C-alpha atoms as a PDB file:
ATOM      1  CA  UNK A   1     -25.549  46.030 -85.186  1.00  0.00           C
ATOM      2  CA  UNK A   2     -24.176  42.417 -85.458  1.00  0.00           C
ATOM      3  CA  UNK A   3     -26.083  39.208 -85.354  1.00  0.00           C
ATOM      4  CA  UNK A   4     -25.827  37.475 -82.014  1.00  0.00           C
ATOM      5  CA  UNK A   5     -24.677  33.745 -82.438  1.00  0.00           C
ATOM      6  CA  UNK A   6     -28.392  32.442 -81.484  1.00  0.00           C
ATOM      7  CA  UNK A   7     -29.748  34.830 -83.899  1.00  0.00           C
ATOM      8  CA  UNK A   8     -27.258  33.144 -86.605  1.00  0.00           C
ATOM      9  CA  UNK A   9     -27.893  29.888 -85.444  1.00  0.00           C
ATOM     10  CA  UNK A  10     -32.063  30.539 -86.115  1.00  0.00           C
ATOM     11  CA  UNK A  11     -31.085  31.838 -89.361  1.00  0.00           C
ATOM     12  CA  UNK A  12     -28.953  29.267 -90.588  1.00  0.00           C
ATOM     13  CA  UNK A  13     -31.573  26.270 -89.504  1.00  0.00           C
ATOM     14  CA  UNK A  14     -34.329  28.150 -90.648  1.00  0.00           C
ATOM     15  CA  UNK A  15     -32.465  28.159 -94.635  1.00  0.00           C
ATOM     16  CA  UNK A  16     -31.208  24.780 -94.610  1.00  0.00           C
ATOM     17  CA  UNK A  17     -34.834  23.471 -94.301  1.00  0.00           C
ATOM     18  CA  UNK A  18     -35.575  22.662 -97.696  1.00  0.00           C
ATOM     19  CA  UNK A  19     -38.705  20.676 -96.888  1.00  0.00           C
ATOM     20  CA  UNK A  20     -38.946  16.989 -98.494  1.00  0.00           C
ATOM     21  CA  UNK A  21     -41.026  18.200-101.480  1.00  0.00           C
ATOM     22  CA  UNK A  22     -38.382  16.982-104.241  1.00  0.00           C
ATOM     23  CA  UNK A  23     -36.193  14.348-105.355  1.00  0.00           C
ATOM     24  CA  UNK A  24     -35.286  11.626-102.976  1.00  0.00           C
ATOM     25  CA  UNK A  25     -31.533  11.485-104.706  1.00  0.00           C
ATOM     26  CA  UNK A  26     -29.755  14.238-102.716  1.00  0.00           C
ATOM     27  CA  UNK A  27     -27.354  15.159-105.453  1.00  0.00           C
ATOM     28  CA  UNK A  28     -25.124  18.184-104.088  1.00  0.00           C
ATOM     29  CA  UNK A  29     -22.164  17.509-106.250  1.00  0.00           C
ATOM     30  CA  UNK A  30     -24.464  18.073-109.269  1.00  0.00           C
ATOM     31  CA  UNK A  31     -26.096  21.029-107.489  1.00  0.00           C
ATOM     32  CA  UNK A  32     -23.150  22.684-106.643  1.00  0.00           C
ATOM     33  CA  UNK A  33     -21.623  22.278-110.198  1.00  0.00           C
ATOM     34  CA  UNK A  34     -24.691  23.900-111.723  1.00  0.00           C
ATOM     35  CA  UNK A  35     -24.824  26.748-109.732  1.00  0.00           C
ATOM     36  CA  UNK A  36     -21.024  27.170-110.777  1.00  0.00           C
ATOM     37  CA  UNK A  37     -21.022  26.755-114.466  1.00  0.00           C
ATOM     38  CA  UNK A  38     -22.944  27.944-117.309  1.00  0.00           C
ATOM     39  CA  UNK A  39     -25.908  29.451-117.671  1.00  0.00           C
ATOM     40  CA  UNK A  40     -26.088  30.098-114.018  1.00  0.00           C
ATOM     41  CA  UNK A  41     -23.148  31.207-113.291  1.00  0.00           C
ATOM     42  CA  UNK A  42     -23.211  34.018-116.002  1.00  0.00           C
ATOM     43  CA  UNK A  43     -27.195  34.485-115.322  1.00  0.00           C
ATOM     44  CA  UNK A  44     -29.156  34.127-111.817  1.00  0.00           C
ATOM     45  CA  UNK A  45     -25.481  33.652-109.711  1.00  0.00           C
ATOM     46  CA  UNK A  46     -23.647  36.398-112.029  1.00  0.00           C
ATOM     47  CA  UNK A  47     -21.088  37.994-109.888  1.00  0.00           C
ATOM     48  CA  UNK A  48     -20.859  35.371-107.238  1.00  0.00           C
ATOM     49  CA  UNK A  49     -17.690  33.791-108.511  1.00  0.00           C
ATOM     50  CA  UNK A  50     -15.410  36.011-107.965  1.00  0.00           C
ATOM     51  CA  UNK A  51     -11.571  35.681-109.848  1.00  0.00           C
ATOM     52  CA  UNK A  52      -9.510  36.625-106.631  1.00  0.00           C
ATOM     53  CA  UNK A  53     -11.716  35.302-103.600  1.00  0.00           C
ATOM     54  CA  UNK A  54     -11.782  31.869-102.278  1.00  0.00           C
ATOM     55  CA  UNK A  55     -14.686  29.778-102.910  1.00  0.00           C
ATOM     56  CA  UNK A  56     -16.007  27.871 -99.534  1.00  0.00           C
ATOM     57  CA  UNK A  57     -18.925  25.265-100.463  1.00  0.00           C
ATOM     58  CA  UNK A  58     -20.890  23.974 -97.495  1.00  0.00           C
ATOM     59  CA  UNK A  59     -23.490  21.244 -98.071  1.00  0.00           C
ATOM     60  CA  UNK A  60     -25.675  19.934 -95.533  1.00  0.00           C
ATOM     61  CA  UNK A  61     -27.277  16.534 -96.138  1.00  0.00           C
ATOM     62  CA  UNK A  62     -28.590  13.700 -94.010  1.00  0.00           C
ATOM     63  CA  UNK A  63     -27.651  11.087 -97.101  1.00  0.00           C
ATOM     64  CA  UNK A  64     -24.636  11.069 -99.148  1.00  0.00           C
ATOM     65  CA  UNK A  65     -24.413  12.466-102.567  1.00  0.00           C
ATOM     66  CA  UNK A  66     -26.295  10.529-105.239  1.00  0.00           C
ATOM     67  CA  UNK A  67     -24.679  12.283-108.364  1.00  0.00           C
ATOM     68  CA  UNK A  68     -23.575  10.756-111.443  1.00  0.00           C
ATOM     69  CA  UNK A  69     -20.283  12.847-110.853  1.00  0.00           C
ATOM     70  CA  UNK A  70     -17.699  11.002-108.724  1.00  0.00           C
ATOM     71  CA  UNK A  71     -15.729  12.823-106.411  1.00  0.00           C
ATOM     72  CA  UNK A  72     -12.467  13.074-107.785  1.00  0.00           C
ATOM     73  CA  UNK A  73     -14.140  14.700-110.891  1.00  0.00           C
ATOM     74  CA  UNK A  74     -16.098  16.953-108.518  1.00  0.00           C
ATOM     75  CA  UNK A  75     -12.803  18.328-106.706  1.00  0.00           C
ATOM     76  CA  UNK A  76     -10.972  18.561-109.887  1.00  0.00           C
ATOM     77  CA  UNK A  77     -13.850  20.995-111.518  1.00  0.00           C
ATOM     78  CA  UNK A  78     -13.802  22.929-108.272  1.00  0.00           C
ATOM     79  CA  UNK A  79      -9.643  23.273-108.944  1.00  0.00           C
ATOM     80  CA  UNK A  80     -10.521  24.218-112.250  1.00  0.00           C
ATOM     81  CA  UNK A  81     -12.413  27.527-111.276  1.00  0.00           C
ATOM     82  CA  UNK A  82      -9.347  29.033-109.292  1.00  0.00           C
ATOM     83  CA  UNK A  83      -5.750  29.914-109.672  1.00  0.00           C
ATOM     84  CA  UNK A  84      -4.919  27.854-106.698  1.00  0.00           C
ATOM     85  CA  UNK A  85      -6.072  24.973-105.176  1.00  0.00           C
ATOM     86  CA  UNK A  86      -5.737  26.786-101.532  1.00  0.00           C
ATOM     87  CA  UNK A  87      -8.839  29.438-102.495  1.00  0.00           C
ATOM     88  CA  UNK A  88     -11.116  25.929-102.856  1.00  0.00           C
ATOM     89  CA  UNK A  89     -12.816  24.656 -99.705  1.00  0.00           C
ATOM     90  CA  UNK A  90     -15.479  22.138 -99.728  1.00  0.00           C
ATOM     91  CA  UNK A  91     -17.234  21.099 -96.063  1.00  0.00           C
ATOM     92  CA  UNK A  92     -20.324  20.046 -94.671  1.00  0.00           C
ATOM     93  CA  UNK A  93     -22.944  18.976 -92.178  1.00  0.00           C
ATOM     94  CA  UNK A  94     -23.592  15.338 -92.940  1.00  0.00           C
ATOM     95  CA  UNK A  95     -23.540  11.760 -91.602  1.00  0.00           C
ATOM     96  CA  UNK A  96     -20.317  10.460 -90.207  1.00  0.00           C
ATOM     97  CA  UNK A  97     -18.888   7.413 -89.678  1.00  0.00           C
ATOM     98  CA  UNK A  98     -18.196   8.036 -85.744  1.00  0.00           C
ATOM     99  CA  UNK A  99     -22.148   9.069 -85.557  1.00  0.00           C
ATOM    100  CA  UNK A 100     -23.593   6.917 -82.672  1.00  0.00           C
ATOM    101  CA  UNK A 101     -26.855   8.363 -81.989  1.00  0.00           C
ATOM    102  CA  UNK A 102     -29.672   6.174 -83.498  1.00  0.00           C
ATOM    103  CA  UNK A 103     -32.426   8.563 -82.403  1.00  0.00           C
ATOM    104  CA  UNK A 104     -31.101  10.862 -85.406  1.00  0.00           C
ATOM    105  CA  UNK A 105     -31.745   9.429 -88.727  1.00  0.00           C
ATOM    106  CA  UNK A 106     -28.703   9.783 -91.425  1.00  0.00           C
ATOM    107  CA  UNK A 107     -26.720   7.800 -93.669  1.00  0.00           C
ATOM    108  CA  UNK A 108     -23.033   8.331 -93.769  1.00  0.00           C
ATOM    109  CA  UNK A 109     -22.258  11.036 -96.235  1.00  0.00           C
ATOM    110  CA  UNK A 110     -18.848   8.937 -97.622  1.00  0.00           C
ATOM    111  CA  UNK A 111     -18.596  11.328-101.050  1.00  0.00           C
ATOM    112  CA  UNK A 112     -19.216  14.458 -99.257  1.00  0.00           C
ATOM    113  CA  UNK A 113     -16.497  13.665 -96.395  1.00  0.00           C
ATOM    114  CA  UNK A 114     -13.847  12.578 -99.118  1.00  0.00           C
ATOM    115  CA  UNK A 115     -14.340  16.112-100.462  1.00  0.00           C
ATOM    116  CA  UNK A 116     -13.756  17.894 -97.509  1.00  0.00           C
ATOM    117  CA  UNK A 117     -10.898  15.865 -96.801  1.00  0.00           C
ATOM    118  CA  UNK A 118      -9.365  16.750-100.434  1.00  0.00           C
ATOM    119  CA  UNK A 119      -9.841  20.089 -99.913  1.00  0.00           C
ATOM    120  CA  UNK A 120      -8.939  20.922 -96.357  1.00  0.00           C
ATOM    121  CA  UNK A 121     -12.572  21.489 -95.293  1.00  0.00           C
ATOM    122  CA  UNK A 122     -14.333  20.563 -92.279  1.00  0.00           C
ATOM    123  CA  UNK A 123     -17.118  18.028 -91.761  1.00  0.00           C
ATOM    124  CA  UNK A 124     -19.582  18.150 -88.776  1.00  0.00           C
ATOM    125  CA  UNK A 125     -22.153  15.337 -88.033  1.00  0.00           C
ATOM    126  CA  UNK A 126     -25.670  16.614 -89.088  1.00  0.00           C
ATOM    127  CA  UNK A 127     -26.934  16.065 -85.877  1.00  0.00           C
ATOM    128  CA  UNK A 128     -24.675  17.903 -83.427  1.00  0.00           C
ATOM    129  CA  UNK A 129     -26.379  19.463 -80.748  1.00  0.00           C
ATOM    130  CA  UNK A 130     -24.368  22.645 -80.871  1.00  0.00           C
ATOM    131  CA  UNK A 131     -24.655  24.187 -83.985  1.00  0.00           C
ATOM    132  CA  UNK A 132     -22.886  27.511 -82.646  1.00  0.00           C
ATOM    133  CA  UNK A 133     -19.749  25.539 -82.561  1.00  0.00           C
ATOM    134  CA  UNK A 134     -20.068  23.784 -85.594  1.00  0.00           C
ATOM    135  CA  UNK A 135     -20.320  26.761 -87.896  1.00  0.00           C
ATOM    136  CA  UNK A 136     -17.575  28.299 -85.862  1.00  0.00           C
ATOM    137  CA  UNK A 137     -15.436  25.045 -87.355  1.00  0.00           C
ATOM    138  CA  UNK A 138     -16.921  25.436 -90.804  1.00  0.00           C
ATOM    139  CA  UNK A 139     -16.592  29.327 -90.765  1.00  0.00           C
ATOM    140  CA  UNK A 140     -12.681  28.925 -89.547  1.00  0.00           C
ATOM    141  CA  UNK A 141     -12.121  26.239 -92.138  1.00  0.00           C
ATOM    142  CA  UNK A 142     -13.798  28.379 -95.113  1.00  0.00           C
ATOM    143  CA  UNK A 143     -11.715  31.107 -94.021  1.00  0.00           C
ATOM    144  CA  UNK A 144      -8.413  28.812 -94.759  1.00  0.00           C
ATOM    145  CA  UNK A 145      -7.078  27.777 -91.328  1.00  0.00           C
ATOM    146  CA  UNK A 146      -5.891  24.199 -91.266  1.00  0.00           C
ATOM    147  CA  UNK A 147      -8.296  22.314 -88.977  1.00  0.00           C
ATOM    148  CA  UNK A 148      -7.478  18.834 -89.687  1.00  0.00           C
ATOM    149  CA  UNK A 149      -3.868  17.304 -90.017  1.00  0.00           C
ATOM    150  CA  UNK A 150      -2.838  14.138 -91.664  1.00  0.00           C
ATOM    151  CA  UNK A 151      -0.767  11.520 -89.747  1.00  0.00           C
ATOM    152  CA  UNK A 152       2.319   9.926 -91.689  1.00  0.00           C
ATOM    153  CA  UNK A 153       1.458   6.639 -89.785  1.00  0.00           C
ATOM    154  CA  UNK A 154      -1.311   4.974 -88.240  1.00  0.00           C
ATOM    155  CA  UNK A 155      -1.244   4.891 -84.105  1.00  0.00           C
ATOM    156  CA  UNK A 156      -1.101   1.870 -82.140  1.00  0.00           C
ATOM    157  CA  UNK A 157      -3.775   3.103 -79.990  1.00  0.00           C
ATOM    158  CA  UNK A 158      -5.430   6.307 -79.701  1.00  0.00           C
ATOM    159  CA  UNK A 159      -4.594   6.816 -76.033  1.00  0.00           C
ATOM    160  CA  UNK A 160      -1.147   6.948 -77.086  1.00  0.00           C
ATOM    161  CA  UNK A 161      -1.744  10.180 -79.117  1.00  0.00           C
ATOM    162  CA  UNK A 162      -0.371  13.431 -77.543  1.00  0.00           C
ATOM    163  CA  UNK A 163      -1.171  16.794 -79.510  1.00  0.00           C
ATOM    164  CA  UNK A 164       0.924  19.939 -78.607  1.00  0.00           C
ATOM    165  CA  UNK A 165      -0.018  23.195 -80.201  1.00  0.00           C
ATOM    166  CA  UNK A 166       2.941  26.080 -79.486  1.00  0.00           C
ATOM    167  CA  UNK A 167       4.188  24.245 -76.351  1.00  0.00           C
ATOM    168  CA  UNK A 168       0.714  23.481 -74.811  1.00  0.00           C
ATOM    169  CA  UNK A 169      -0.726  20.058 -74.827  1.00  0.00           C
ATOM    170  CA  UNK A 170      -4.124  20.119 -76.400  1.00  0.00           C
ATOM    171  CA  UNK A 171      -7.138  17.798 -74.633  1.00  0.00           C
ATOM    172  CA  UNK A 172      -8.708  14.975 -76.353  1.00  0.00           C
ATOM    173  CA  UNK A 173     -12.231  16.541 -76.540  1.00  0.00           C
ATOM    174  CA  UNK A 174     -15.243  16.987 -79.099  1.00  0.00           C
ATOM    175  CA  UNK A 175     -16.062  20.179 -78.447  1.00  0.00           C
ATOM    176  CA  UNK A 176     -12.562  22.259 -77.085  1.00  0.00           C
ATOM    177  CA  UNK A 177     -10.015  19.911 -78.067  1.00  0.00           C
ATOM    178  CA  UNK A 178      -8.788  17.474 -80.874  1.00  0.00           C
ATOM    179  CA  UNK A 179     -10.284  13.904 -82.041  1.00  0.00           C
ATOM    180  CA  UNK A 180      -8.644  11.313 -84.294  1.00  0.00           C
ATOM    181  CA  UNK A 181     -10.344  10.662 -87.695  1.00  0.00           C
ATOM    182  CA  UNK A 182      -9.587   6.558 -87.748  1.00  0.00           C
ATOM    183  CA  UNK A 183     -11.196   6.650 -91.566  1.00  0.00           C
ATOM    184  CA  UNK A 184      -8.601   9.293 -92.914  1.00  0.00           C
ATOM    185  CA  UNK A 185      -5.985   8.849 -90.092  1.00  0.00           C
ATOM    186  CA  UNK A 186      -5.770  12.600 -88.906  1.00  0.00           C
ATOM    187  CA  UNK A 187      -6.220  14.645 -86.255  1.00  0.00           C
ATOM    188  CA  UNK A 188      -9.300  17.081 -86.343  1.00  0.00           C
ATOM    189  CA  UNK A 189      -9.378  20.552 -84.086  1.00  0.00           C
ATOM    190  CA  UNK A 190     -12.345  21.511 -82.551  1.00  0.00           C
ATOM    191  CA  UNK A 191     -13.654  25.158 -81.110  1.00  0.00           C
ATOM    192  CA  UNK A 192     -11.004  27.292 -79.463  1.00  0.00           C
ATOM    193  CA  UNK A 193      -8.303  24.800 -79.961  1.00  0.00           C
ATOM    194  CA  UNK A 194      -8.069  25.042 -83.517  1.00  0.00           C
ATOM    195  CA  UNK A 195      -4.669  26.508 -84.238  1.00  0.00           C
ATOM    196  CA  UNK A 196      -4.264  29.893 -85.500  1.00  0.00           C
ATOM    197  CA  UNK A 197      -2.118  30.724 -88.396  1.00  0.00           C
ATOM    198  CA  UNK A 198       1.730  29.880 -88.182  1.00  0.00           C
ATOM    199  CA  UNK A 199       1.043  27.644 -84.990  1.00  0.00           C
ATOM    200  CA  UNK A 200       3.703  25.105 -84.483  1.00  0.00           C
ATOM    201  CA  UNK A 201       1.483  21.832 -84.108  1.00  0.00           C
ATOM    202  CA  UNK A 202       3.277  18.603 -82.982  1.00  0.00           C
ATOM    203  CA  UNK A 203       1.480  15.102 -83.012  1.00  0.00           C
ATOM    204  CA  UNK A 204       3.183  12.115 -81.067  1.00  0.00           C
ATOM    205  CA  UNK A 205       2.029   8.513 -81.255  1.00  0.00           C
ATOM    206  CA  UNK A 206       3.107   5.030 -80.856  1.00  0.00           C
ATOM    207  CA  UNK A 207       3.340   3.050 -83.835  1.00  0.00           C
ATOM    208  CA  UNK A 208       2.660  -0.730 -84.030  1.00  0.00           C
ATOM    209  CA  UNK A 209       5.224  -3.137 -83.097  1.00  0.00           C
ATOM    210  CA  UNK A 210       6.936  -4.880 -86.795  1.00  0.00           C
ATOM    211  CA  UNK A 211       7.821  -8.504 -86.174  1.00  0.00           C
ATOM    212  CA  UNK A 212      10.887  -9.368 -88.070  1.00  0.00           C
ATOM    213  CA  UNK A 213      11.120 -12.516 -89.738  1.00  0.00           C
END
């Protein structure tokens, strides 16, 4: 029988509860690289990296990556594993810049967010109170759907942004609409509003006025 969403959420939360007995430095990049490199890729992880399958890496961390490897080198390593960059997705549950809830202790995952942006992956704040929706978004991103759309210019105001998908206006909503990622200047879709493959997405917005000399 298929697993219910509540069962899937419980299984996910128990699987990522790794405890706090290890090193205080969280090195997600190095861990992922080691898992996909010799000797592990040919030993304990043999059969995991399949030539014709897409590779999706999902990190769960309440701190930024402390690996010695930088983001560009890590992403290039991932790209080198596949024949096409479109076969790579890096996503994660990490601390985000937009997280305002101080009751949940986490640090901003700058390197993780950068890796997700470069690979077209998806980032969810680790303190989300709705893991069902968050896991749906991560899963759709891992499957190759585009959930983030970079803008060519920066909007003058967020209120001036209008988002249309196949002729229908999409609301500015964190769970079932779109939000604006000011760090990367892009529109991020959520929940059922994530466009299906082949959809026509139109984003309209006002740009800042340019004064002449």
